[in-house]
Amino acid sequence: MTAEISVEATRRMEWRCRRGMLELDLLFNRFVTACLPCLNHLQIEALNELLELPDNELWKLITSPNCDGSKPVGQVLIMLRGLAVHQNDQTHTKS
């Protein structure tokens, strides 16, 4: 029963990670695959908080260099930033 709930919760989170801004949609697509399975309970709550933000605010937080990595929200932002930098590097090398 627990595995089914986990799968259901994961699917719900994957759906919530879909965004209107292309950059965020691509980033969260990678995040769901690479990081979502590794998040602890507090980081999942932090991700839920971040997903409540409008796209522009969320993008500003992700691209801002300031972050407190000792709190769950900061930890999730650091993971997102790492993927965003990797995404930008791949975009620039294809050009």
Foldseek 3Di string as FASTA:
>chain_A
DVVVVVVVVLVVVLVLQQAPDPLSNVLSVVCSVPPVVPDDPQLVVLVVVLSVDHPVVSVCLLPDPDADCVHSVRVVSVVSNVSSVVVVVVVVVVD
